[in-house]
Each structure stands twice: as C-alpha cells, then as structure tokens.
Amino acid sequence: VFSKTQKLAKVKQKDFDAVFYPGGHGPLWDL
C-alpha cells in the first residue's frame, strides 16, 4: 500500500477525520 500512495490532488478533506504529516528532509522542498 505504501508503494501505491494516492496522488495528493485526488484526496479530499471531507473523507477523513484528521491529517498527519510524517517528516524527513523531503518536505522542505516539495510540501
């Protein structure tokens, strides 16, 4: 499942109760 993440553009807030952002240095550049 981790290898098949959804594209961010396709997910909607209304479908979830919360959002969680794990780190790593990657988010400094893209997120």
PDB file of all heavy atoms in Angstrom:
ATOM      1  N   VAL A   1       0.835  -1.202   0.000  1.00  0.00           N
ATOM      2  CA  VAL A   1       0.000   0.000   0.000  1.00  0.00           C
ATOM      3  C   VAL A   1       0.871   1.254   0.000  1.00  0.00           C
ATOM      4  O   VAL A   1       0.579   2.236  -0.684  1.00  0.00           O
ATOM      5  CB  VAL A   1      -0.967  -0.014   1.203  1.00  0.00           C
ATOM      6  CG1 VAL A   1      -1.785   1.262   1.244  1.00  0.00           C
ATOM      7  CG2 VAL A   1      -1.890  -1.219   1.103  1.00  0.00           C
ATOM      8  N   PHE A   2       1.972   1.226   0.758  1.00  0.00           N
ATOM      9  CA  PHE A   2       2.906   2.346   0.820  1.00  0.00           C
ATOM     10  C   PHE A   2       3.475   2.650  -0.569  1.00  0.00           C
ATOM     11  O   PHE A   2       3.726   3.810  -0.910  1.00  0.00           O
ATOM     12  CB  PHE A   2       4.029   2.001   1.801  1.00  0.00           C
ATOM     13  CG  PHE A   2       5.034   3.089   2.020  1.00  0.00           C
ATOM     14  CD1 PHE A   2       4.765   4.137   2.893  1.00  0.00           C
ATOM     15  CD2 PHE A   2       6.257   3.067   1.375  1.00  0.00           C
ATOM     16  CE1 PHE A   2       5.697   5.136   3.108  1.00  0.00           C
ATOM     17  CE2 PHE A   2       7.201   4.061   1.582  1.00  0.00           C
ATOM     18  CZ  PHE A   2       6.914   5.111   2.454  1.00  0.00           C
ATOM     19  N   SER A   3       3.653   1.618  -1.367  1.00  0.00           N
ATOM     20  CA  SER A   3       4.219   1.798  -2.706  1.00  0.00           C
ATOM     21  C   SER A   3       3.217   2.370  -3.701  1.00  0.00           C
ATOM     22  O   SER A   3       3.584   2.733  -4.819  1.00  0.00           O
ATOM     23  CB  SER A   3       4.749   0.459  -3.239  1.00  0.00           C
ATOM     24  OG  SER A   3       3.682  -0.401  -3.596  1.00  0.00           O
ATOM     25  N   LYS A   4       1.944   2.425  -3.293  1.00  0.00           N
ATOM     26  CA  LYS A   4       0.892   2.898  -4.198  1.00  0.00           C
ATOM     27  C   LYS A   4       0.118   4.061  -3.576  1.00  0.00           C
ATOM     28  O   LYS A   4      -1.114   4.070  -3.565  1.00  0.00           O
ATOM     29  CB  LYS A   4      -0.062   1.750  -4.534  1.00  0.00           C
ATOM     30  CG  LYS A   4       0.609   0.596  -5.266  1.00  0.00           C
ATOM     31  CD  LYS A   4      -0.380  -0.526  -5.567  1.00  0.00           C
ATOM     32  CE  LYS A   4       0.294  -1.659  -6.331  1.00  0.00           C
ATOM     33  NZ  LYS A   4      -0.665  -2.756  -6.646  1.00  0.00           N
ATOM     34  N   THR A   5       0.854   5.046  -3.064  1.00  0.00           N
ATOM     35  CA  THR A   5       0.180   6.194  -2.437  1.00  0.00           C
ATOM     36  C   THR A   5      -0.735   6.896  -3.435  1.00  0.00           C
ATOM     37  O   THR A   5      -0.454   6.943  -4.637  1.00  0.00           O
ATOM     38  CB  THR A   5       1.189   7.211  -1.875  1.00  0.00           C
ATOM     39  OG1 THR A   5       1.941   7.771  -2.958  1.00  0.00           O
ATOM     40  CG2 THR A   5       2.136   6.573  -0.884  1.00  0.00           C
ATOM     41  N   GLN A   6      -1.802   7.440  -2.909  1.00  0.00           N
ATOM     42  CA  GLN A   6      -2.717   8.238  -3.726  1.00  0.00           C
ATOM     43  C   GLN A   6      -2.044   9.554  -4.123  1.00  0.00           C
ATOM     44  O   GLN A   6      -1.218  10.089  -3.389  1.00  0.00           O
ATOM     45  CB  GLN A   6      -3.978   8.559  -2.927  1.00  0.00           C
ATOM     46  CG  GLN A   6      -4.835   7.361  -2.594  1.00  0.00           C
ATOM     47  CD  GLN A   6      -5.525   6.802  -3.821  1.00  0.00           C
ATOM     48  OE1 GLN A   6      -6.292   7.483  -4.477  1.00  0.00           O
ATOM     49  NE2 GLN A   6      -5.242   5.553  -4.122  1.00  0.00           N
ATOM     50  N   LYS A   7      -2.422  10.090  -5.269  1.00  0.00           N
ATOM     51  CA  LYS A   7      -1.956  11.430  -5.622  1.00  0.00           C
ATOM     52  C   LYS A   7      -2.693  12.438  -4.744  1.00  0.00           C
ATOM     53  O   LYS A   7      -3.903  12.341  -4.543  1.00  0.00           O
ATOM     54  CB  LYS A   7      -2.226  11.733  -7.102  1.00  0.00           C
ATOM     55  CG  LYS A   7      -1.200  11.125  -8.030  1.00  0.00           C
ATOM     56  CD  LYS A   7      -1.324  11.702  -9.428  1.00  0.00           C
ATOM     57  CE  LYS A   7      -0.211  11.180 -10.312  1.00  0.00           C
ATOM     58  NZ  LYS A   7      -0.272  11.746 -11.679  1.00  0.00           N
ATOM     59  N   LEU A   8      -1.938  13.387  -4.240  1.00  0.00           N
ATOM     60  CA  LEU A   8      -2.498  14.377  -3.324  1.00  0.00           C
ATOM     61  C   LEU A   8      -3.707  15.092  -3.931  1.00  0.00           C
ATOM     62  O   LEU A   8      -4.665  15.428  -3.236  1.00  0.00           O
ATOM     63  CB  LEU A   8      -1.408  15.382  -2.958  1.00  0.00           C
ATOM     64  CG  LEU A   8      -1.565  16.209  -1.690  1.00  0.00           C
ATOM     65  CD1 LEU A   8      -1.858  15.328  -0.484  1.00  0.00           C
ATOM     66  CD2 LEU A   8      -0.302  17.028  -1.454  1.00  0.00           C
ATOM     67  N   ALA A   9      -3.668  15.294  -5.238  1.00  0.00           N
ATOM     68  CA  ALA A   9      -4.752  16.011  -5.917  1.00  0.00           C
ATOM     69  C   ALA A   9      -6.080  15.261  -5.866  1.00  0.00           C
ATOM     70  O   ALA A   9      -7.140  15.858  -6.058  1.00  0.00           O
ATOM     71  CB  ALA A   9      -4.367  16.271  -7.367  1.00  0.00           C
ATOM     72  N   LYS A  10      -6.022  13.957  -5.577  1.00  0.00           N
ATOM     73  CA  LYS A  10      -7.234  13.144  -5.616  1.00  0.00           C
ATOM     74  C   LYS A  10      -7.895  12.951  -4.252  1.00  0.00           C
ATOM     75  O   LYS A  10      -9.002  12.423  -4.178  1.00  0.00           O
ATOM     76  CB  LYS A  10      -6.917  11.769  -6.231  1.00  0.00           C
ATOM     77  CG  LYS A  10      -6.519  11.846  -7.697  1.00  0.00           C
ATOM     78  CD  LYS A  10      -6.302  10.455  -8.272  1.00  0.00           C
ATOM     79  CE  LYS A  10      -5.947  10.514  -9.755  1.00  0.00           C
ATOM     80  NZ  LYS A  10      -5.728   9.159 -10.325  1.00  0.00           N
ATOM     81  N   VAL A  11      -7.218  13.356  -3.179  1.00  0.00           N
ATOM     82  CA  VAL A  11      -7.806  13.156  -1.851  1.00  0.00           C
ATOM     83  C   VAL A  11      -8.560  14.404  -1.408  1.00  0.00           C
ATOM     84  O   VAL A  11      -8.221  15.513  -1.804  1.00  0.00           O
ATOM     85  CB  VAL A  11      -6.740  12.771  -0.804  1.00  0.00           C
ATOM     86  CG1 VAL A  11      -6.096  11.446  -1.151  1.00  0.00           C
ATOM     87  CG2 VAL A  11      -5.692  13.862  -0.662  1.00  0.00           C
ATOM     88  N   LYS A  12      -9.587  14.187  -0.588  1.00  0.00           N
ATOM     89  CA  LYS A  12     -10.425  15.294  -0.141  1.00  0.00           C
ATOM     90  C   LYS A  12     -10.569  15.273   1.376  1.00  0.00           C
ATOM     91  O   LYS A  12     -10.738  14.211   1.978  1.00  0.00           O
ATOM     92  CB  LYS A  12     -11.804  15.202  -0.796  1.00  0.00           C
ATOM     93  CG  LYS A  12     -11.760  15.317  -2.326  1.00  0.00           C
ATOM     94  CD  LYS A  12     -13.137  15.180  -2.933  1.00  0.00           C
ATOM     95  CE  LYS A  12     -13.075  15.283  -4.455  1.00  0.00           C
ATOM     96  NZ  LYS A  12     -14.419  15.115  -5.071  1.00  0.00           N
ATOM     97  N   GLN A  13     -10.535  16.429   1.937  1.00  0.00           N
ATOM     98  CA  GLN A  13     -10.639  16.588   3.392  1.00  0.00           C
ATOM     99  C   GLN A  13     -11.888  15.930   3.956  1.00  0.00           C
ATOM    100  O   GLN A  13     -11.854  15.319   5.036  1.00  0.00           O
ATOM    101  CB  GLN A  13     -10.603  18.093   3.717  1.00  0.00           C
ATOM    102  CG  GLN A  13     -11.054  18.474   5.106  1.00  0.00           C
ATOM    103  CD  GLN A  13     -12.555  18.698   5.185  1.00  0.00           C
ATOM    104  OE1 GLN A  13     -13.210  18.207   6.093  1.00  0.00           O
ATOM    105  NE2 GLN A  13     -13.114  19.413   4.220  1.00  0.00           N
ATOM    106  N   LYS A  14     -12.990  16.016   3.218  1.00  0.00           N
ATOM    107  CA  LYS A  14     -14.277  15.529   3.743  1.00  0.00           C
ATOM    108  C   LYS A  14     -14.286  14.027   4.013  1.00  0.00           C
ATOM    109  O   LYS A  14     -15.140  13.538   4.760  1.00  0.00           O
ATOM    110  CB  LYS A  14     -15.411  15.887   2.782  1.00  0.00           C
ATOM    111  CG  LYS A  14     -15.364  15.176   1.448  1.00  0.00           C
ATOM    112  CD  LYS A  14     -16.530  15.606   0.559  1.00  0.00           C
ATOM    113  CE  LYS A  14     -16.501  14.911  -0.791  1.00  0.00           C
ATOM    114  NZ  LYS A  14     -16.668  13.451  -0.696  1.00  0.00           N
ATOM    115  N   ASP A  15     -13.321  13.310   3.435  1.00  0.00           N
ATOM    116  CA  ASP A  15     -13.285  11.856   3.596  1.00  0.00           C
ATOM    117  C   ASP A  15     -12.511  11.394   4.821  1.00  0.00           C
ATOM    118  O   ASP A  15     -12.402  10.188   5.075  1.00  0.00           O
ATOM    119  CB  ASP A  15     -12.659  11.213   2.354  1.00  0.00           C
ATOM    120  CG  ASP A  15     -13.499  11.434   1.100  1.00  0.00           C
ATOM    121  OD1 ASP A  15     -14.745  11.456   1.228  1.00  0.00           O
ATOM    122  OD2 ASP A  15     -12.909  11.582   0.011  1.00  0.00           O
ATOM    123  N   PHE A  16     -11.950  12.348   5.588  1.00  0.00           N
ATOM    124  CA  PHE A  16     -11.071  11.993   6.696  1.00  0.00           C
ATOM    125  C   PHE A  16     -11.404  12.771   7.968  1.00  0.00           C
ATOM    126  O   PHE A  16     -12.018  13.825   7.926  1.00  0.00           O
ATOM    127  CB  PHE A  16      -9.609  12.256   6.305  1.00  0.00           C
ATOM    128  CG  PHE A  16      -9.169  11.497   5.086  1.00  0.00           C
ATOM    129  CD1 PHE A  16      -9.243  12.079   3.832  1.00  0.00           C
ATOM    130  CD2 PHE A  16      -8.728  10.185   5.189  1.00  0.00           C
ATOM    131  CE1 PHE A  16      -8.872  11.379   2.694  1.00  0.00           C
ATOM    132  CE2 PHE A  16      -8.353   9.474   4.068  1.00  0.00           C
ATOM    133  CZ  PHE A  16      -8.427  10.065   2.814  1.00  0.00           C
ATOM    134  N   ASP A  17     -10.948  12.205   9.092  1.00  0.00           N
ATOM    135  CA  ASP A  17     -11.153  12.847  10.386  1.00  0.00           C
ATOM    136  C   ASP A  17      -9.971  13.714  10.802  1.00  0.00           C
ATOM    137  O   ASP A  17     -10.105  14.582  11.664  1.00  0.00           O
ATOM    138  CB  ASP A  17     -11.381  11.776  11.463  1.00  0.00           C
ATOM    139  CG  ASP A  17     -12.622  10.942  11.177  1.00  0.00           C
ATOM    140  OD1 ASP A  17     -13.723  11.512  11.232  1.00  0.00           O
ATOM    141  OD2 ASP A  17     -12.486   9.743  10.888  1.00  0.00           O
ATOM    142  N   ALA A  18      -8.796  13.466  10.215  1.00  0.00           N
ATOM    143  CA  ALA A  18      -7.590  14.209  10.574  1.00  0.00           C
ATOM    144  C   ALA A  18      -6.543  13.965   9.500  1.00  0.00           C
ATOM    145  O   ALA A  18      -6.680  13.062   8.661  1.00  0.00           O
ATOM    146  CB  ALA A  18      -7.054  13.755  11.933  1.00  0.00           C
ATOM    147  N   VAL A  19      -5.479  14.775   9.530  1.00  0.00           N
ATOM    148  CA  VAL A  19      -4.361  14.572   8.618  1.00  0.00           C
ATOM    149  C   VAL A  19      -3.063  14.548   9.415  1.00  0.00           C
ATOM    150  O   VAL A  19      -2.913  15.285  10.395  1.00  0.00           O
ATOM    151  CB  VAL A  19      -4.316  15.655   7.512  1.00  0.00           C
ATOM    152  CG1 VAL A  19      -4.044  17.043   8.084  1.00  0.00           C
ATOM    153  CG2 VAL A  19      -3.301  15.300   6.436  1.00  0.00           C
ATOM    154  N   PHE A  20      -2.143  13.681   9.001  1.00  0.00           N
ATOM    155  CA  PHE A  20      -0.860  13.527   9.686  1.00  0.00           C
ATOM    156  C   PHE A  20       0.267  13.611   8.655  1.00  0.00           C
ATOM    157  O   PHE A  20       0.242  12.905   7.643  1.00  0.00           O
ATOM    158  CB  PHE A  20      -0.799  12.164  10.390  1.00  0.00           C
ATOM    159  CG  PHE A  20       0.434  11.956  11.237  1.00  0.00           C
ATOM    160  CD1 PHE A  20       0.366  12.097  12.619  1.00  0.00           C
ATOM    161  CD2 PHE A  20       1.644  11.625  10.663  1.00  0.00           C
ATOM    162  CE1 PHE A  20       1.501  11.903  13.398  1.00  0.00           C
ATOM    163  CE2 PHE A  20       2.786  11.435  11.429  1.00  0.00           C
ATOM    164  CZ  PHE A  20       2.706  11.581  12.807  1.00  0.00           C
ATOM    165  N   TYR A  21       1.248  14.476   8.927  1.00  0.00           N
ATOM    166  CA  TYR A  21       2.403  14.638   8.038  1.00  0.00           C
ATOM    167  C   TYR A  21       3.659  14.095   8.718  1.00  0.00           C
ATOM    168  O   TYR A  21       4.191  14.719   9.629  1.00  0.00           O
ATOM    169  CB  TYR A  21       2.620  16.112   7.717  1.00  0.00           C
ATOM    170  CG  TYR A  21       1.732  16.688   6.636  1.00  0.00           C
ATOM    171  CD1 TYR A  21       0.355  16.825   6.827  1.00  0.00           C
ATOM    172  CD2 TYR A  21       2.266  17.113   5.428  1.00  0.00           C
ATOM    173  CE1 TYR A  21      -0.455  17.365   5.836  1.00  0.00           C
ATOM    174  CE2 TYR A  21       1.463  17.658   4.433  1.00  0.00           C
ATOM    175  CZ  TYR A  21       0.106  17.786   4.639  1.00  0.00           C
ATOM    176  OH  TYR A  21      -0.694  18.322   3.657  1.00  0.00           O
ATOM    177  N   PRO A  22       4.187  12.939   8.286  1.00  0.00           N
ATOM    178  CA  PRO A  22       5.495  12.492   8.753  1.00  0.00           C
ATOM    179  C   PRO A  22       6.576  13.370   8.110  1.00  0.00           C
ATOM    180  O   PRO A  22       6.345  14.010   7.085  1.00  0.00           O
ATOM    181  CB  PRO A  22       5.595  11.051   8.242  1.00  0.00           C
ATOM    182  CG  PRO A  22       4.196  10.668   7.864  1.00  0.00           C
ATOM    183  CD  PRO A  22       3.551  11.936   7.430  1.00  0.00           C
ATOM    184  N   GLY A  23       7.777  13.356   8.722  1.00  0.00           N
ATOM    185  CA  GLY A  23       8.835  14.211   8.224  1.00  0.00           C
ATOM    186  C   GLY A  23       9.872  13.509   7.364  1.00  0.00           C
ATOM    187  O   GLY A  23       9.566  12.679   6.524  1.00  0.00           O
ATOM    188  N   GLY A  24      11.134  13.834   7.624  1.00  0.00           N
ATOM    189  CA  GLY A  24      12.204  13.565   6.690  1.00  0.00           C
ATOM    190  C   GLY A  24      12.525  14.888   6.019  1.00  0.00           C
ATOM    191  O   GLY A  24      11.720  15.832   6.061  1.00  0.00           O
ATOM    192  N   HIS A  25      13.679  15.013   5.392  1.00  0.00           N
ATOM    193  CA  HIS A  25      14.045  16.299   4.795  1.00  0.00           C
ATOM    194  C   HIS A  25      13.265  16.613   3.525  1.00  0.00           C
ATOM    195  O   HIS A  25      13.180  17.777   3.121  1.00  0.00           O
ATOM    196  CB  HIS A  25      15.552  16.332   4.521  1.00  0.00           C
ATOM    197  CG  HIS A  25      16.375  16.609   5.732  1.00  0.00           C
ATOM    198  ND1 HIS A  25      16.802  15.614   6.588  1.00  0.00           N
ATOM    199  CD2 HIS A  25      16.835  17.774   6.254  1.00  0.00           C
ATOM    200  CE1 HIS A  25      17.502  16.157   7.576  1.00  0.00           C
ATOM    201  NE2 HIS A  25      17.535  17.456   7.401  1.00  0.00           N
ATOM    202  N   GLY A  26      12.684  15.599   2.896  1.00  0.00           N
ATOM    203  CA  GLY A  26      11.953  15.824   1.650  1.00  0.00           C
ATOM    204  C   GLY A  26      10.930  16.942   1.694  1.00  0.00           C
ATOM    205  O   GLY A  26      10.861  17.768   0.767  1.00  0.00           O
ATOM    206  N   PRO A  27      10.076  17.024   2.737  1.00  0.00           N
ATOM    207  CA  PRO A  27       9.038  18.054   2.774  1.00  0.00           C
ATOM    208  C   PRO A  27       9.555  19.492   2.685  1.00  0.00           C
ATOM    209  O   PRO A  27       8.806  20.389   2.287  1.00  0.00           O
ATOM    210  CB  PRO A  27       8.358  17.809   4.141  1.00  0.00           C
ATOM    211  CG  PRO A  27       8.564  16.356   4.391  1.00  0.00           C
ATOM    212  CD  PRO A  27       9.937  16.068   3.855  1.00  0.00           C
ATOM    213  N   LEU A  28      10.817  19.706   3.037  1.00  0.00           N
ATOM    214  CA  LEU A  28      11.379  21.055   2.938  1.00  0.00           C
ATOM    215  C   LEU A  28      11.331  21.555   1.503  1.00  0.00           C
ATOM    216  O   LEU A  28      11.203  22.765   1.266  1.00  0.00           O
ATOM    217  CB  LEU A  28      12.830  21.068   3.437  1.00  0.00           C
ATOM    218  CG  LEU A  28      13.036  20.831   4.935  1.00  0.00           C
ATOM    219  CD1 LEU A  28      14.503  20.529   5.229  1.00  0.00           C
ATOM    220  CD2 LEU A  28      12.587  22.042   5.742  1.00  0.00           C
ATOM    221  N   TRP A  29      11.444  20.628   0.550  1.00  0.00           N
ATOM    222  CA  TRP A  29      11.476  21.016  -0.856  1.00  0.00           C
ATOM    223  C   TRP A  29      10.107  20.965  -1.524  1.00  0.00           C
ATOM    224  O   TRP A  29       9.774  21.866  -2.290  1.00  0.00           O
ATOM    225  CB  TRP A  29      12.476  20.145  -1.624  1.00  0.00           C
ATOM    226  CG  TRP A  29      13.892  20.591  -1.459  1.00  0.00           C
ATOM    227  CD1 TRP A  29      14.553  21.540  -2.197  1.00  0.00           C
ATOM    228  CD2 TRP A  29      14.834  20.117  -0.491  1.00  0.00           C
ATOM    229  NE1 TRP A  29      15.843  21.679  -1.735  1.00  0.00           N
ATOM    230  CE2 TRP A  29      16.053  20.822  -0.698  1.00  0.00           C
ATOM    231  CE3 TRP A  29      14.783  19.169   0.533  1.00  0.00           C
ATOM    232  CZ2 TRP A  29      17.191  20.601   0.069  1.00  0.00           C
ATOM    233  CZ3 TRP A  29      15.914  18.950   1.293  1.00  0.00           C
ATOM    234  CH2 TRP A  29      17.106  19.656   1.068  1.00  0.00           C
ATOM    235  N   ASP A  30       9.321  19.915  -1.269  1.00  0.00           N
ATOM    236  CA  ASP A  30       8.060  19.838  -2.018  1.00  0.00           C
ATOM    237  C   ASP A  30       6.819  20.271  -1.242  1.00  0.00           C
ATOM    238  O   ASP A  30       6.038  21.103  -1.720  1.00  0.00           O
ATOM    239  CB  ASP A  30       7.860  18.456  -2.653  1.00  0.00           C
ATOM    240  CG  ASP A  30       7.720  17.307  -1.669  1.00  0.00           C
ATOM    241  OD1 ASP A  30       7.953  17.489  -0.463  1.00  0.00           O
ATOM    242  OD2 ASP A  30       7.383  16.182  -2.133  1.00  0.00           O
ATOM    243  N   LEU A  31       6.625  19.763  -0.035  1.00  0.00           N
ATOM    244  CA  LEU A  31       5.384  20.062   0.676  1.00  0.00           C
ATOM    245  C   LEU A  31       5.313  21.497   1.198  1.00  0.00           C
ATOM    246  O   LEU A  31       4.232  22.005   1.470  1.00  0.00           O
ATOM    247  CB  LEU A  31       5.184  19.067   1.827  1.00  0.00           C
ATOM    248  CG  LEU A  31       4.944  17.618   1.370  1.00  0.00           C
ATOM    249  CD1 LEU A  31       4.894  16.679   2.566  1.00  0.00           C
ATOM    250  CD2 LEU A  31       3.662  17.505   0.551  1.00  0.00           C
TER     251      LEU A  31
END
